[in-house]
């Protein structure tokens, strides 16, 4: 490797470090499981936004209304810096509200749903299912 190639590689490496972390984040699309591993949600485009639909749930969760085909996230739109805003639905309690989904990296995202004008919120750390 000559000096010009070395300097080019150093410049490219420095430019890569300067990019925001979200430039490396995998898309929000994919299969995600909740912290207990008893629900898997598929996040995919729907219209101009993203939606999350249950693809698998434990028998206990299915008995409580969290069955495959139930949409639990809707109208998720990018809000910048790896964050998406939209709507959430909690099938076990049959309530809906606002949602904020924040990707922490390619395989982890924080899902926060709030109901009753934002007074009651629940947050979970979901991990990507390969």
Protein backbone atom coordinates (compact mmCIF):
# COMPACT_ATOMS: atom_id res chain seq x y z
CA UNK A 1 0.00 0.00 0.00
CA UNK A 2 1.43 3.37 -0.95
CA UNK A 3 1.19 6.59 1.07
CA UNK A 4 -1.69 7.94 -1.03
CA UNK A 5 -3.79 4.80 -0.34
CA UNK A 6 -3.00 4.96 3.38
CA UNK A 7 -4.06 8.62 3.57
CA UNK A 8 -7.24 7.86 1.60
CA UNK A 9 -8.12 5.02 3.99
CA UNK A 10 -7.51 7.25 7.03
CA UNK A 11 -9.72 9.98 5.52
CA UNK A 12 -12.51 7.49 4.79
CA UNK A 13 -12.30 6.06 8.31
CA UNK A 14 -12.47 9.56 9.82
CA UNK A 15 -15.48 10.44 7.68
CA UNK A 16 -17.23 7.25 8.79
CA UNK A 17 -16.66 8.17 12.44
CA UNK A 18 -18.19 11.61 11.85
CA UNK A 19 -21.49 10.19 10.57
CA UNK A 20 -24.36 10.05 13.05
CA UNK A 21 -24.96 6.66 14.69
CA UNK A 22 -28.36 6.33 13.01
CA UNK A 23 -26.61 6.09 9.65
CA UNK A 24 -25.52 2.60 10.72
CA UNK A 25 -28.80 1.50 12.28
CA UNK A 26 -30.67 -1.26 10.50
CA UNK A 27 -34.13 -0.30 9.33
CA UNK A 28 -36.96 -0.55 11.81
CA UNK A 29 -38.48 -3.18 9.53
CA UNK A 30 -38.29 -6.75 10.72
CA UNK A 31 -39.37 -9.16 13.43
CA UNK A 32 -39.10 -7.97 17.05
CA UNK A 33 -39.79 -9.79 20.32
CA UNK A 34 -40.83 -8.27 23.61
CA UNK A 35 -38.63 -8.66 26.73
CA UNK A 36 -40.48 -11.76 27.93
CA UNK A 37 -40.23 -13.46 24.53
CA UNK A 38 -43.96 -14.19 24.55
CA UNK A 39 -44.91 -11.93 21.62
CA UNK A 40 -43.25 -11.35 18.23
CA UNK A 41 -44.23 -8.31 16.17
CA UNK A 42 -43.46 -7.75 12.49
CA UNK A 43 -42.76 -4.10 11.67
CA UNK A 44 -43.30 -3.33 8.00
CA UNK A 45 -44.30 -0.43 5.76
CA UNK A 46 -48.01 0.29 5.56
CA UNK A 47 -48.90 3.28 3.42
CA UNK A 48 -46.46 6.14 4.09
CA UNK A 49 -45.61 4.86 7.57
CA UNK A 50 -44.76 1.66 9.45
CA UNK A 51 -47.05 -0.70 11.31
CA UNK A 52 -46.37 -3.49 13.79
CA UNK A 53 -48.51 -6.64 13.66
CA UNK A 54 -48.29 -9.62 15.99
CA UNK A 55 -47.02 -12.67 14.10
CA UNK A 56 -46.67 -15.00 17.10
CA UNK A 57 -47.88 -14.98 20.70
CA UNK A 58 -47.76 -17.47 23.55
CA UNK A 59 -50.98 -19.31 24.38
CA UNK A 60 -51.41 -17.19 27.52
CA UNK A 61 -51.14 -13.96 25.50
CA UNK A 62 -53.47 -15.25 22.78
CA UNK A 63 -56.06 -15.92 25.51
CA UNK A 64 -55.71 -12.26 26.56
CA UNK A 65 -56.29 -10.90 23.03
CA UNK A 66 -52.72 -10.63 21.73
CA UNK A 67 -53.24 -12.95 18.80
CA UNK A 68 -51.45 -13.10 15.43
CA UNK A 69 -52.82 -10.49 13.07
CA UNK A 70 -53.44 -7.91 15.81
CA UNK A 71 -51.90 -4.54 14.93
CA UNK A 72 -50.13 -3.10 17.97
CA UNK A 73 -48.21 -0.25 16.29
CA UNK A 74 -49.51 1.99 13.53
CA UNK A 75 -48.73 5.21 11.71
CA UNK A 76 -45.07 5.15 12.83
CA UNK A 77 -43.22 7.95 11.08
CA UNK A 78 -39.57 8.97 11.41
CA UNK A 79 -39.08 11.83 13.84
CA UNK A 80 -35.28 11.99 13.49
CA UNK A 81 -32.34 10.44 15.32
CA UNK A 82 -33.67 6.86 15.09
CA UNK A 83 -37.02 7.79 16.67
CA UNK A 84 -40.47 7.07 15.24
CA UNK A 85 -43.80 8.47 16.46
CA UNK A 86 -47.20 6.96 15.92
CA UNK A 87 -49.95 4.99 17.67
CA UNK A 88 -49.86 1.96 19.98
CA UNK A 89 -52.54 -0.56 20.94
CA UNK A 90 -52.39 -2.76 24.05
CA UNK A 91 -54.62 -5.77 23.25
CA UNK A 92 -54.61 -7.23 26.78
CA UNK A 93 -56.19 -4.04 28.16
CA UNK A 94 -57.91 -3.02 24.91
CA UNK A 95 -56.52 0.52 25.03
CA UNK A 96 -54.70 2.66 22.50
CA UNK A 97 -52.55 5.74 22.68
CA UNK A 98 -49.45 7.44 21.39
CA UNK A 99 -46.24 5.56 20.66
CA UNK A 100 -42.60 6.49 20.51
CA UNK A 101 -40.22 3.89 19.10
CA UNK A 102 -36.51 4.57 19.41
CA UNK A 103 -33.84 2.38 17.87
CA UNK A 104 -30.77 1.97 20.07
CA UNK A 105 -28.91 0.00 17.43
CA UNK A 106 -29.57 -2.49 14.67
CA UNK A 107 -31.04 -5.11 17.03
CA UNK A 108 -32.61 -3.19 19.92
CA UNK A 109 -35.45 -0.71 20.10
CA UNK A 110 -37.38 0.91 22.93
CA UNK A 111 -41.15 0.92 22.47
CA UNK A 112 -43.06 3.38 24.65
CA UNK A 113 -46.84 3.58 24.57
CA UNK A 114 -48.87 6.17 26.46
CA UNK A 115 -52.63 6.34 27.07
CA UNK A 116 -55.04 8.70 28.82
CA UNK A 117 -53.48 11.87 27.47
CA UNK A 118 -49.97 10.62 28.20
CA UNK A 119 -50.51 10.03 31.93
CA UNK A 120 -50.14 6.24 31.80
CA UNK A 121 -47.11 4.98 29.89
CA UNK A 122 -45.41 1.63 29.45
CA UNK A 123 -41.97 1.10 27.99
CA UNK A 124 -40.34 -2.10 26.76
CA UNK A 125 -37.01 -3.04 25.22
CA UNK A 126 -37.61 -5.18 22.11
CA UNK A 127 -34.91 -7.20 20.37
CA UNK A 128 -34.67 -8.18 16.73
CA UNK A 129 -35.51 -11.78 15.83
CA UNK A 130 -33.36 -13.18 13.03
